[in-house]
Amino acid sequence: MRWAVLVGGTGSNLLAMLQADVPVSLVISHRREVPALAIAAHHKIVAHVLDAKAIRDRERYDEELRNLLTAHQIEAIAMAGYMRWLTEKTVKAYRGRVVNVHPSLLPAFPGLHAVDQAYRHGVRWTGVTIHFVDEGQDTGPIIMQMPVPIRPGESLESLEAKIHAAEHRLYPEIVWALERGWIHMSSGGEVLWDLSQKEVESWMHGLYSV
């Protein structure tokens, strides 16, 4: 498939995907002059900026987003630091082919500042969730999660580093599973695996082994 990665920040998850040889054909950022754009340029990936400050109307913004995706024949989308809520028309056009990474074990701590939320609440476990995108905020069907412990006395900076490491390990693997056709979303929103239970368990064992 031809993948687009939607970004808006450092681009660390974009870099993890490129280092895993995910076939990224297009990068789109909602902000100008972010490190993710430099990563795209270094890897010779076509990149566009759709400045959210310049296009304030949400429907018009997403219309231009869809036009870009269509022009580049994009078939699937990975959101990575893209801090915008896709409109219903965009979700419908790519339903079951848009995934997002969120730095918590959803449904706990949705929305912004999820790592800080978990840290301030004093939970002992948080983690990373990869999910299909729907019309809600971090409410789409969960594909896979990776737990991350919060050790007594651990700093917020240390926890953030562990969360990023988990994202960089899990997200490219899930994108590759989608690319290989191992994972689908049914019309009813159920996550379906085209692997046997034994194959899934074997793959997950390798994924979680550090």
N, C-alpha and C. Protein backbone atom coordinates (compact mmCIF):
# COMPACT_ATOMS: atom_id res chain seq x y z
N MET A 1 0.84 -1.20 0.00
CA MET A 1 0.00 0.00 0.00
C MET A 1 0.88 1.25 0.00
N ARG A 2 0.29 2.34 -0.46
CA ARG A 2 0.97 3.62 -0.40
C ARG A 2 0.52 4.33 0.89
N TRP A 3 1.48 4.57 1.78
CA TRP A 3 1.20 5.13 3.09
C TRP A 3 1.51 6.61 3.14
N ALA A 4 0.65 7.36 3.80
CA ALA A 4 0.94 8.73 4.19
C ALA A 4 1.09 8.76 5.71
N VAL A 5 2.04 9.54 6.19
CA VAL A 5 2.20 9.74 7.63
C VAL A 5 1.87 11.20 7.92
N LEU A 6 0.91 11.41 8.81
CA LEU A 6 0.51 12.75 9.21
C LEU A 6 1.26 13.13 10.48
N VAL A 7 1.97 14.25 10.45
CA VAL A 7 2.88 14.62 11.53
C VAL A 7 2.58 16.04 12.01
N GLY A 8 3.32 16.43 13.05
CA GLY A 8 3.15 17.79 13.57
C GLY A 8 4.21 18.14 14.60
N GLY A 9 5.24 17.29 14.72
CA GLY A 9 6.23 17.53 15.77
C GLY A 9 7.60 17.00 15.42
N THR A 10 8.18 16.25 16.35
CA THR A 10 9.58 15.81 16.20
C THR A 10 9.77 14.79 15.09
N GLY A 11 8.74 14.00 14.82
CA GLY A 11 8.86 12.99 13.77
C GLY A 11 9.55 11.71 14.21
N SER A 12 9.63 11.46 15.51
CA SER A 12 10.35 10.27 15.97
C SER A 12 9.66 8.99 15.53
N ASN A 13 8.33 8.98 15.50
CA ASN A 13 7.64 7.79 15.03
C ASN A 13 7.75 7.64 13.51
N LEU A 14 7.76 8.76 12.80
CA LEU A 14 8.02 8.71 11.36
C LEU A 14 9.39 8.09 11.11
N LEU A 15 10.39 8.54 11.83
CA LEU A 15 11.74 7.99 11.67
C LEU A 15 11.77 6.51 11.97
N ALA A 16 11.07 6.08 13.03
CA ALA A 16 11.03 4.65 13.36
C ALA A 16 10.43 3.84 12.23
N MET A 17 9.39 4.37 11.59
CA MET A 17 8.77 3.67 10.47
C MET A 17 9.73 3.59 9.28
N LEU A 18 10.41 4.70 8.98
CA LEU A 18 11.33 4.70 7.85
C LEU A 18 12.50 3.76 8.11
N GLN A 19 12.97 3.71 9.33
CA GLN A 19 14.06 2.79 9.67
C GLN A 19 13.62 1.33 9.60
N ALA A 20 12.31 1.10 9.72
CA ALA A 20 11.75 -0.25 9.58
C ALA A 20 11.31 -0.53 8.14
N ASP A 21 11.64 0.38 7.23
CA ASP A 21 11.34 0.23 5.80
C ASP A 21 9.85 0.20 5.49
N VAL A 22 9.04 0.88 6.31
CA VAL A 22 7.63 1.05 5.97
C VAL A 22 7.56 1.88 4.69
N PRO A 23 6.73 1.48 3.71
CA PRO A 23 6.68 2.18 2.42
C PRO A 23 5.92 3.50 2.50
N VAL A 24 6.56 4.52 3.08
CA VAL A 24 5.95 5.84 3.22
C VAL A 24 6.11 6.61 1.92
N SER A 25 4.99 7.06 1.34
CA SER A 25 5.02 7.78 0.07
C SER A 25 4.81 9.28 0.25
N LEU A 26 4.26 9.69 1.40
CA LEU A 26 3.88 11.08 1.58
C LEU A 26 3.89 11.42 3.07
N VAL A 27 4.37 12.62 3.39
CA VAL A 27 4.30 13.15 4.74
C VAL A 27 3.55 14.47 4.69
N ILE A 28 2.59 14.64 5.59
CA ILE A 28 1.83 15.89 5.67
C ILE A 28 1.89 16.40 7.09
N SER A 29 2.25 17.67 7.26
CA SER A 29 2.33 18.28 8.58
C SER A 29 1.29 19.40 8.69
N HIS A 30 0.70 19.53 9.88
CA HIS A 30 -0.22 20.64 10.11
C HIS A 30 0.50 21.86 10.67
N ARG A 31 1.83 21.75 10.84
CA ARG A 31 2.64 22.86 11.34
C ARG A 31 3.87 23.03 10.46
N ARG A 32 4.34 24.26 10.36
CA ARG A 32 5.53 24.56 9.59
C ARG A 32 6.79 24.36 10.43
N GLU A 33 7.88 24.09 9.75
CA GLU A 33 9.21 24.09 10.36
C GLU A 33 9.32 23.17 11.58
N VAL A 34 8.77 21.98 11.46
CA VAL A 34 8.92 20.99 12.53
C VAL A 34 9.98 19.97 12.11
N PRO A 35 10.67 19.33 13.06
CA PRO A 35 11.72 18.37 12.72
C PRO A 35 11.25 17.23 11.83
N ALA A 36 9.99 16.85 11.91
CA ALA A 36 9.49 15.76 11.07
C ALA A 36 9.67 16.05 9.59
N LEU A 37 9.56 17.31 9.20
CA LEU A 37 9.73 17.68 7.79
C LEU A 37 11.18 17.49 7.35
N ALA A 38 12.12 17.77 8.24
CA ALA A 38 13.54 17.56 7.92
C ALA A 38 13.83 16.07 7.76
N ILE A 39 13.18 15.24 8.58
CA ILE A 39 13.34 13.79 8.46
C ILE A 39 12.83 13.32 7.10
N ALA A 40 11.67 13.82 6.70
CA ALA A 40 11.12 13.46 5.39
C ALA A 40 12.06 13.88 4.27
N ALA A 41 12.60 15.08 4.36
CA ALA A 41 13.51 15.57 3.33
C ALA A 41 14.77 14.72 3.26
N HIS A 42 15.32 14.36 4.43
CA HIS A 42 16.53 13.54 4.47
C HIS A 42 16.32 12.19 3.80
N HIS A 43 15.11 11.64 3.95
CA HIS A 43 14.80 10.33 3.37
C HIS A 43 14.14 10.45 1.99
N LYS A 44 14.14 11.68 1.46
CA LYS A 44 13.62 11.93 0.11
C LYS A 44 12.16 11.51 -0.03
N ILE A 45 11.38 11.79 1.01
CA ILE A 45 9.95 11.54 1.00
C ILE A 45 9.23 12.85 0.68
N VAL A 46 8.30 12.81 -0.25
CA VAL A 46 7.52 14.00 -0.58
C VAL A 46 6.79 14.48 0.67
N ALA A 47 6.90 15.79 0.96
CA ALA A 47 6.27 16.35 2.16
C ALA A 47 5.52 17.63 1.81
N HIS A 48 4.39 17.81 2.47
CA HIS A 48 3.57 19.02 2.30
C HIS A 48 3.21 19.56 3.68
N VAL A 49 3.06 20.87 3.74
CA VAL A 49 2.55 21.52 4.94
C VAL A 49 1.17 22.07 4.64
N LEU A 50 0.21 21.63 5.46
CA LEU A 50 -1.12 22.24 5.45
C LEU A 50 -1.24 22.99 6.77
N ASP A 51 -0.94 24.26 6.72
CA ASP A 51 -0.83 25.06 7.94
C ASP A 51 -2.20 25.27 8.58
N ALA A 52 -2.38 24.71 9.76
CA ALA A 52 -3.66 24.82 10.45
C ALA A 52 -3.97 26.25 10.85
N LYS A 53 -2.94 27.07 11.03
CA LYS A 53 -3.17 28.47 11.37
C LYS A 53 -3.68 29.27 10.17
N ALA A 54 -3.32 28.81 8.97
CA ALA A 54 -3.74 29.52 7.76
C ALA A 54 -5.10 29.05 7.26
N ILE A 55 -5.45 27.81 7.58
CA ILE A 55 -6.73 27.25 7.15
C ILE A 55 -7.51 26.88 8.41
N ARG A 56 -8.26 27.80 8.92
CA ARG A 56 -8.91 27.60 10.22
C ARG A 56 -10.22 26.83 10.13
N ASP A 57 -10.86 26.83 8.97
CA ASP A 57 -12.10 26.08 8.82
C ASP A 57 -11.79 24.60 8.73
N ARG A 58 -12.34 23.82 9.64
CA ARG A 58 -12.00 22.40 9.76
C ARG A 58 -12.40 21.60 8.53
N GLU A 59 -13.59 21.87 8.01
CA GLU A 59 -14.04 21.13 6.83
C GLU A 59 -13.20 21.46 5.61
N ARG A 60 -12.86 22.74 5.42
CA ARG A 60 -12.04 23.12 4.27
C ARG A 60 -10.63 22.56 4.42
N TYR A 61 -10.12 22.56 5.64
CA TYR A 61 -8.80 22.00 5.87
C TYR A 61 -8.76 20.52 5.45
N ASP A 62 -9.73 19.75 5.91
CA ASP A 62 -9.72 18.33 5.59
C ASP A 62 -10.03 18.07 4.12
N GLU A 63 -10.76 18.98 3.47
CA GLU A 63 -10.97 18.83 2.03
C GLU A 63 -9.63 18.94 1.30
N GLU A 64 -8.80 19.89 1.72
CA GLU A 64 -7.47 20.02 1.11
C GLU A 64 -6.60 18.82 1.46
N LEU A 65 -6.75 18.31 2.67
CA LEU A 65 -6.02 17.10 3.06
C LEU A 65 -6.41 15.93 2.16
N ARG A 66 -7.69 15.72 1.97
CA ARG A 66 -8.14 14.62 1.11
C ARG A 66 -7.67 14.81 -0.33
N ASN A 67 -7.66 16.03 -0.81
CA ASN A 67 -7.17 16.29 -2.17
C ASN A 67 -5.71 15.89 -2.31
N LEU A 68 -4.91 16.20 -1.30
CA LEU A 68 -3.50 15.80 -1.32
C LEU A 68 -3.35 14.29 -1.31
N LEU A 69 -4.11 13.64 -0.44
CA LEU A 69 -4.04 12.18 -0.35
C LEU A 69 -4.44 11.52 -1.66
N THR A 70 -5.47 12.05 -2.29
CA THR A 70 -5.93 11.51 -3.57
C THR A 70 -4.90 11.75 -4.66
N ALA A 71 -4.33 12.94 -4.69
CA ALA A 71 -3.34 13.28 -5.73
C ALA A 71 -2.12 12.37 -5.65
N HIS A 72 -1.80 11.91 -4.47
CA HIS A 72 -0.63 11.03 -4.30
C HIS A 72 -1.02 9.56 -4.20
N GLN A 73 -2.28 9.27 -4.51
CA GLN A 73 -2.78 7.89 -4.56
C GLN A 73 -2.53 7.13 -3.25
N ILE A 74 -2.78 7.83 -2.14
CA ILE A 74 -2.55 7.25 -0.82
C ILE A 74 -3.67 6.25 -0.49
N GLU A 75 -3.26 5.11 0.02
CA GLU A 75 -4.21 4.04 0.36
C GLU A 75 -4.40 3.86 1.86
N ALA A 76 -3.42 4.28 2.66
CA ALA A 76 -3.50 4.09 4.11
C ALA A 76 -2.75 5.23 4.80
N ILE A 77 -3.17 5.51 6.04
CA ILE A 77 -2.65 6.67 6.77
C ILE A 77 -2.22 6.25 8.17
N ALA A 78 -1.05 6.74 8.57
CA ALA A 78 -0.58 6.58 9.95
C ALA A 78 -0.42 7.97 10.55
N MET A 79 -1.11 8.21 11.66
CA MET A 79 -1.01 9.49 12.34
C MET A 79 0.08 9.40 13.39
N ALA A 80 0.98 10.40 13.39
CA ALA A 80 2.14 10.35 14.29
C ALA A 80 2.47 11.77 14.74
N GLY A 81 1.85 12.18 15.84
CA GLY A 81 2.06 13.54 16.31
C GLY A 81 1.23 14.56 15.57
N TYR A 82 0.20 14.09 14.89
CA TYR A 82 -0.71 14.96 14.14
C TYR A 82 -1.83 15.37 15.08
N MET A 83 -1.81 16.61 15.53
CA MET A 83 -2.70 17.05 16.60
C MET A 83 -3.97 17.69 16.05
N ARG A 84 -4.62 16.97 15.14
CA ARG A 84 -5.89 17.43 14.60
C ARG A 84 -6.87 16.26 14.59
N TRP A 85 -8.13 16.57 14.76
CA TRP A 85 -9.20 15.60 14.77
C TRP A 85 -9.77 15.50 13.36
N LEU A 86 -9.65 14.34 12.73
CA LEU A 86 -10.12 14.17 11.36
C LEU A 86 -11.64 14.33 11.29
N THR A 87 -12.11 14.96 10.20
CA THR A 87 -13.55 15.12 10.02
C THR A 87 -14.20 13.80 9.64
N GLU A 88 -15.51 13.76 9.77
CA GLU A 88 -16.27 12.55 9.45
C GLU A 88 -16.05 12.13 8.00
N LYS A 89 -15.98 13.10 7.06
CA LYS A 89 -15.78 12.77 5.66
C LYS A 89 -14.43 12.08 5.44
N THR A 90 -13.40 12.55 6.13
CA THR A 90 -12.06 11.95 5.96
C THR A 90 -12.03 10.55 6.56
N VAL A 91 -12.59 10.40 7.74
CA VAL A 91 -12.64 9.07 8.37
C VAL A 91 -13.40 8.10 7.48
N LYS A 92 -14.52 8.54 6.94
CA LYS A 92 -15.34 7.67 6.08
C LYS A 92 -14.57 7.26 4.83
N ALA A 93 -13.83 8.20 4.24
CA ALA A 93 -13.09 7.91 3.00
C ALA A 93 -11.99 6.88 3.22
N TYR A 94 -11.42 6.83 4.44
CA TYR A 94 -10.30 5.93 4.71
C TYR A 94 -10.59 4.98 5.87
N ARG A 95 -11.86 4.72 6.11
CA ARG A 95 -12.23 3.88 7.26
C ARG A 95 -11.53 2.52 7.21
N GLY A 96 -10.96 2.14 8.34
CA GLY A 96 -10.24 0.88 8.40
C GLY A 96 -8.84 0.95 7.83
N ARG A 97 -8.44 2.15 7.37
CA ARG A 97 -7.10 2.32 6.79
C ARG A 97 -6.38 3.53 7.39
N VAL A 98 -6.87 3.98 8.56
CA VAL A 98 -6.21 5.06 9.30
C VAL A 98 -5.91 4.56 10.70
N VAL A 99 -4.65 4.66 11.11
CA VAL A 99 -4.25 4.23 12.45
C VAL A 99 -3.56 5.36 13.18
N ASN A 100 -3.59 5.27 14.50
CA ASN A 100 -3.00 6.30 15.34
C ASN A 100 -2.27 5.64 16.50
N VAL A 101 -1.27 6.33 17.02
CA VAL A 101 -0.57 5.88 18.22
C VAL A 101 -0.91 6.86 19.34
N HIS A 102 -1.23 6.31 20.52
CA HIS A 102 -1.56 7.15 21.67
C HIS A 102 -0.74 6.69 22.87
N PRO A 103 -0.14 7.65 23.61
CA PRO A 103 0.77 7.28 24.70
C PRO A 103 0.10 6.99 26.03
N SER A 104 -0.88 6.09 26.01
CA SER A 104 -1.47 5.56 27.24
C SER A 104 -2.16 4.26 26.90
N LEU A 105 -2.63 3.56 27.91
CA LEU A 105 -3.41 2.35 27.69
C LEU A 105 -4.88 2.76 27.62
N LEU A 106 -5.31 3.14 26.43
CA LEU A 106 -6.71 3.54 26.25
C LEU A 106 -7.64 2.42 26.72
N PRO A 107 -8.79 2.78 27.28
CA PRO A 107 -9.41 4.11 27.30
C PRO A 107 -8.94 5.04 28.41
N ALA A 108 -7.89 4.66 29.15
CA ALA A 108 -7.37 5.55 30.18
C ALA A 108 -6.59 6.70 29.54
N PHE A 109 -6.79 7.88 30.04
CA PHE A 109 -6.03 9.07 29.67
C PHE A 109 -6.06 9.39 28.17
N PRO A 110 -7.23 9.56 27.60
CA PRO A 110 -7.31 10.00 26.20
C PRO A 110 -6.95 11.48 26.09
N GLY A 111 -6.81 11.95 24.86
CA GLY A 111 -6.56 13.38 24.64
C GLY A 111 -5.12 13.77 24.86
N LEU A 112 -4.94 15.07 25.13
CA LEU A 112 -3.59 15.64 25.24
C LEU A 112 -2.93 15.30 26.57
N HIS A 113 -1.57 15.34 26.56
CA HIS A 113 -0.75 15.20 27.76
C HIS A 113 -1.02 13.89 28.50
N ALA A 114 -1.16 12.81 27.74
CA ALA A 114 -1.53 11.52 28.34
C ALA A 114 -0.43 10.99 29.27
N VAL A 115 0.82 11.17 28.91
CA VAL A 115 1.91 10.68 29.77
C VAL A 115 1.91 11.44 31.09
N ASP A 116 1.77 12.74 31.00
CA ASP A 116 1.72 13.56 32.21
C ASP A 116 0.51 13.21 33.07
N GLN A 117 -0.64 12.96 32.43
CA GLN A 117 -1.84 12.58 33.17
C GLN A 117 -1.60 11.30 33.98
N ALA A 118 -1.04 10.30 33.31
CA ALA A 118 -0.79 9.02 34.00
C ALA A 118 0.19 9.22 35.16
N TYR A 119 1.22 10.00 34.91
CA TYR A 119 2.25 10.24 35.93
C TYR A 119 1.65 10.95 37.14
N ARG A 120 0.86 11.99 36.88
CA ARG A 120 0.28 12.78 37.97
C ARG A 120 -0.78 12.00 38.76
N HIS A 121 -1.44 11.05 38.10
CA HIS A 121 -2.46 10.25 38.79
C HIS A 121 -1.85 9.15 39.65
N GLY A 122 -0.55 8.89 39.46
CA GLY A 122 0.12 7.91 40.30
C GLY A 122 -0.17 6.46 39.94
N VAL A 123 -0.59 6.21 38.69
CA VAL A 123 -0.83 4.82 38.30
C VAL A 123 0.50 4.08 38.22
N ARG A 124 0.46 2.77 38.38
CA ARG A 124 1.68 1.97 38.35
C ARG A 124 2.00 1.43 36.96
N TRP A 125 0.99 1.43 36.08
CA TRP A 125 1.20 0.99 34.71
C TRP A 125 0.52 1.97 33.76
N THR A 126 1.23 2.33 32.70
CA THR A 126 0.64 3.04 31.58
C THR A 126 1.16 2.33 30.33
N GLY A 127 1.26 3.01 29.20
CA GLY A 127 1.75 2.31 28.02
C GLY A 127 1.41 3.01 26.74
N VAL A 128 1.30 2.22 25.68
CA VAL A 128 1.08 2.72 24.33
C VAL A 128 -0.06 1.93 23.69
N THR A 129 -0.91 2.63 22.97
CA THR A 129 -2.03 2.00 22.25
C THR A 129 -1.95 2.35 20.78
N ILE A 130 -2.09 1.34 19.92
CA ILE A 130 -2.29 1.57 18.49
C ILE A 130 -3.74 1.24 18.19
N HIS A 131 -4.44 2.16 17.54
CA HIS A 131 -5.87 1.94 17.29
C HIS A 131 -6.27 2.47 15.91
N PHE A 132 -7.33 1.89 15.38
CA PHE A 132 -7.94 2.46 14.19
C PHE A 132 -8.60 3.78 14.57
N VAL A 133 -8.64 4.70 13.63
CA VAL A 133 -9.22 6.00 13.88
C VAL A 133 -10.69 6.01 13.48
N ASP A 134 -11.53 6.51 14.39
CA ASP A 134 -12.94 6.72 14.06
C ASP A 134 -13.27 8.19 14.27
N GLU A 135 -14.56 8.52 14.37
CA GLU A 135 -14.96 9.92 14.45
C GLU A 135 -14.74 10.53 15.83
N GLY A 136 -14.45 9.71 16.84
CA GLY A 136 -14.25 10.22 18.19
C GLY A 136 -12.80 10.55 18.46
N GLN A 137 -12.53 11.01 19.67
CA GLN A 137 -11.17 11.35 20.09
C GLN A 137 -10.57 10.17 20.84
N ASP A 138 -9.66 9.46 20.16
CA ASP A 138 -8.98 8.30 20.74
C ASP A 138 -9.97 7.21 21.16
N THR A 139 -11.03 7.04 20.36
CA THR A 139 -12.08 6.07 20.68
C THR A 139 -12.15 4.90 19.70
N GLY A 140 -11.29 4.88 18.68
CA GLY A 140 -11.38 3.84 17.67
C GLY A 140 -10.97 2.48 18.18
N PRO A 141 -11.31 1.41 17.45
CA PRO A 141 -11.00 0.05 17.87
C PRO A 141 -9.51 -0.16 18.14
N ILE A 142 -9.21 -0.74 19.28
CA ILE A 142 -7.82 -0.95 19.69
C ILE A 142 -7.23 -2.16 18.96
N ILE A 143 -6.09 -1.95 18.34
CA ILE A 143 -5.39 -3.03 17.63
C ILE A 143 -4.46 -3.77 18.59
N MET A 144 -3.61 -3.01 19.27
CA MET A 144 -2.67 -3.64 20.21
C MET A 144 -2.17 -2.59 21.20
N GLN A 145 -1.78 -3.06 22.37
CA GLN A 145 -1.22 -2.19 23.41
C GLN A 145 0.07 -2.77 23.95
N MET A 146 0.94 -1.88 24.41
CA MET A 146 2.18 -2.30 25.05
C MET A 146 2.27 -1.61 26.41
N PRO A 147 2.22 -2.37 27.51
CA PRO A 147 2.28 -1.76 28.84
C PRO A 147 3.69 -1.27 29.18
N VAL A 148 3.73 -0.20 29.95
CA VAL A 148 4.99 0.37 30.44
C VAL A 148 4.84 0.64 31.93
N PRO A 149 5.71 0.08 32.77
CA PRO A 149 5.59 0.31 34.22
C PRO A 149 6.10 1.69 34.62
N ILE A 150 5.50 2.23 35.67
CA ILE A 150 6.00 3.46 36.29
C ILE A 150 6.63 3.06 37.62
N ARG A 151 7.93 3.14 37.70
CA ARG A 151 8.66 2.70 38.89
C ARG A 151 8.55 3.74 40.00
N PRO A 152 8.54 3.31 41.26
CA PRO A 152 8.53 4.25 42.38
C PRO A 152 9.71 5.23 42.27
N GLY A 153 9.40 6.50 42.37
CA GLY A 153 10.43 7.53 42.31
C GLY A 153 10.89 7.89 40.91
N GLU A 154 10.30 7.28 39.90
CA GLU A 154 10.70 7.56 38.52
C GLU A 154 10.33 8.99 38.14
N SER A 155 11.17 9.62 37.33
CA SER A 155 10.90 10.98 36.88
C SER A 155 9.97 10.95 35.66
N LEU A 156 9.30 12.06 35.44
CA LEU A 156 8.45 12.18 34.26
C LEU A 156 9.26 12.04 32.98
N GLU A 157 10.46 12.59 32.98
CA GLU A 157 11.32 12.51 31.79
C GLU A 157 11.69 11.05 31.47
N SER A 158 11.98 10.28 32.51
CA SER A 158 12.30 8.86 32.32
C SER A 158 11.11 8.11 31.76
N LEU A 159 9.92 8.39 32.29
CA LEU A 159 8.71 7.73 31.80
C LEU A 159 8.45 8.09 30.34
N GLU A 160 8.61 9.35 29.99
CA GLU A 160 8.40 9.78 28.61
C GLU A 160 9.35 9.05 27.67
N ALA A 161 10.60 8.87 28.08
CA ALA A 161 11.57 8.16 27.25
C ALA A 161 11.15 6.71 27.04
N LYS A 162 10.63 6.06 28.09
CA LYS A 162 10.18 4.68 27.96
C LYS A 162 8.95 4.57 27.05
N ILE A 163 8.05 5.54 27.16
CA ILE A 163 6.87 5.55 26.30
C ILE A 163 7.28 5.71 24.84
N HIS A 164 8.21 6.62 24.58
CA HIS A 164 8.67 6.81 23.20
C HIS A 164 9.32 5.53 22.66
N ALA A 165 10.11 4.88 23.49
CA ALA A 165 10.76 3.64 23.05
C ALA A 165 9.72 2.57 22.72
N ALA A 166 8.65 2.49 23.52
CA ALA A 166 7.58 1.53 23.25
C ALA A 166 6.85 1.88 21.96
N GLU A 167 6.59 3.16 21.74
CA GLU A 167 5.95 3.59 20.49
C GLU A 167 6.79 3.17 19.29
N HIS A 168 8.08 3.44 19.37
CA HIS A 168 8.97 3.17 18.23
C HIS A 168 9.10 1.68 17.96
N ARG A 169 8.88 0.87 18.98
CA ARG A 169 8.93 -0.60 18.80
C ARG A 169 7.62 -1.13 18.25
N LEU A 170 6.51 -0.64 18.79
CA LEU A 170 5.20 -1.20 18.45
C LEU A 170 4.62 -0.66 17.15
N TYR A 171 4.70 0.64 16.93
CA TYR A 171 3.99 1.25 15.80
C TYR A 171 4.45 0.72 14.44
N PRO A 172 5.75 0.67 14.14
CA PRO A 172 6.15 0.12 12.84
C PRO A 172 5.71 -1.33 12.64
N GLU A 173 5.72 -2.12 13.71
CA GLU A 173 5.29 -3.52 13.61
C GLU A 173 3.82 -3.61 13.22
N ILE A 174 2.99 -2.76 13.83
CA ILE A 174 1.56 -2.79 13.52
C ILE A 174 1.32 -2.31 12.10
N VAL A 175 2.02 -1.28 11.69
CA VAL A 175 1.87 -0.80 10.31
C VAL A 175 2.27 -1.89 9.32
N TRP A 176 3.35 -2.62 9.63
CA TRP A 176 3.75 -3.71 8.74
C TRP A 176 2.72 -4.83 8.75
N ALA A 177 2.10 -5.10 9.89
CA ALA A 177 1.05 -6.12 9.95
C ALA A 177 -0.14 -5.71 9.07
N LEU A 178 -0.47 -4.43 9.08
CA LEU A 178 -1.53 -3.94 8.20
C LEU A 178 -1.10 -4.03 6.74
N GLU A 179 0.13 -3.68 6.48
CA GLU A 179 0.66 -3.74 5.12
C GLU A 179 0.61 -5.17 4.57
N ARG A 180 0.87 -6.14 5.42
CA ARG A 180 0.85 -7.54 5.00
C ARG A 180 -0.56 -8.13 4.95
N GLY A 181 -1.54 -7.37 5.39
CA GLY A 181 -2.91 -7.86 5.38
C GLY A 181 -3.25 -8.75 6.54
N TRP A 182 -2.46 -8.68 7.61
CA TRP A 182 -2.73 -9.51 8.78
C TRP A 182 -3.88 -8.97 9.61
N ILE A 183 -4.12 -7.66 9.54
CA ILE A 183 -5.11 -7.01 10.40
C ILE A 183 -6.11 -6.25 9.54
N HIS A 184 -7.38 -6.35 9.90
CA HIS A 184 -8.45 -5.61 9.22
C HIS A 184 -9.44 -5.10 10.27
N MET A 185 -10.23 -4.14 9.85
CA MET A 185 -11.34 -3.69 10.69
C MET A 185 -12.64 -4.04 9.98
N SER A 186 -13.53 -4.74 10.68
CA SER A 186 -14.80 -5.12 10.08
C SER A 186 -15.71 -3.91 9.96
N SER A 187 -16.80 -4.07 9.21
CA SER A 187 -17.77 -2.98 9.06
C SER A 187 -18.40 -2.61 10.40
N GLY A 188 -18.39 -3.53 11.33
CA GLY A 188 -18.93 -3.27 12.66
C GLY A 188 -17.91 -2.74 13.65
N GLY A 189 -16.67 -2.49 13.18
CA GLY A 189 -15.65 -1.92 14.04
C GLY A 189 -14.85 -2.94 14.83
N GLU A 190 -14.93 -4.22 14.45
CA GLU A 190 -14.16 -5.25 15.15
C GLU A 190 -12.81 -5.42 14.49
N VAL A 191 -11.76 -5.59 15.29
CA VAL A 191 -10.42 -5.83 14.77
C VAL A 191 -10.28 -7.31 14.45
N LEU A 192 -9.97 -7.63 13.21
CA LEU A 192 -9.87 -9.01 12.74
C LEU A 192 -8.43 -9.33 12.36
N TRP A 193 -7.98 -10.52 12.72
CA TRP A 193 -6.63 -10.98 12.39
C TRP A 193 -6.71 -12.12 11.38
N ASP A 194 -5.93 -12.02 10.31
CA ASP A 194 -5.84 -13.10 9.33
C ASP A 194 -4.66 -14.01 9.67
N LEU A 195 -4.55 -14.34 10.94
CA LEU A 195 -3.53 -15.24 11.44
C LEU A 195 -4.20 -16.18 12.44
N SER A 196 -3.63 -17.36 12.62
CA SER A 196 -4.13 -18.25 13.65
C SER A 196 -3.76 -17.70 15.03
N GLN A 197 -4.43 -18.17 16.05
CA GLN A 197 -4.12 -17.74 17.42
C GLN A 197 -2.67 -18.04 17.75
N LYS A 198 -2.18 -19.18 17.31
CA LYS A 198 -0.80 -19.56 17.58
C LYS A 198 0.17 -18.60 16.89
N GLU A 199 -0.14 -18.21 15.65
CA GLU A 199 0.73 -17.28 14.93
C GLU A 199 0.72 -15.91 15.59
N VAL A 200 -0.45 -15.46 16.03
CA VAL A 200 -0.54 -14.17 16.72
C VAL A 200 0.28 -14.20 18.00
N GLU A 201 0.14 -15.28 18.78
CA GLU A 201 0.87 -15.39 20.04
C GLU A 201 2.38 -15.42 19.79
N SER A 202 2.80 -16.11 18.74
CA SER A 202 4.23 -16.17 18.42
C SER A 202 4.75 -14.80 18.03
N TRP A 203 3.99 -14.10 17.20
CA TRP A 203 4.39 -12.76 16.77
C TRP A 203 4.46 -11.81 17.97
N MET A 204 3.45 -11.87 18.83
CA MET A 204 3.43 -11.00 20.00
C MET A 204 4.57 -11.32 20.96
N HIS A 205 4.91 -12.60 21.09
CA HIS A 205 6.01 -12.99 21.96
C HIS A 205 7.31 -12.34 21.48
N GLY A 206 7.53 -12.37 20.17
CA GLY A 206 8.72 -11.74 19.62
C GLY A 206 8.69 -10.23 19.79
N LEU A 207 7.52 -9.65 19.65
CA LEU A 207 7.36 -8.20 19.75
C LEU A 207 7.64 -7.71 21.16
N TYR A 208 7.17 -8.45 22.16
CA TYR A 208 7.30 -8.01 23.54
C TYR A 208 8.61 -8.41 24.17
N SER A 209 9.37 -9.29 23.52
CA SER A 209 10.66 -9.69 24.05
C SER A 209 11.68 -8.59 23.81
N VAL A 210 12.27 -8.08 24.84
CA VAL A 210 13.24 -6.98 24.72
C VAL A 210 14.65 -7.50 24.99
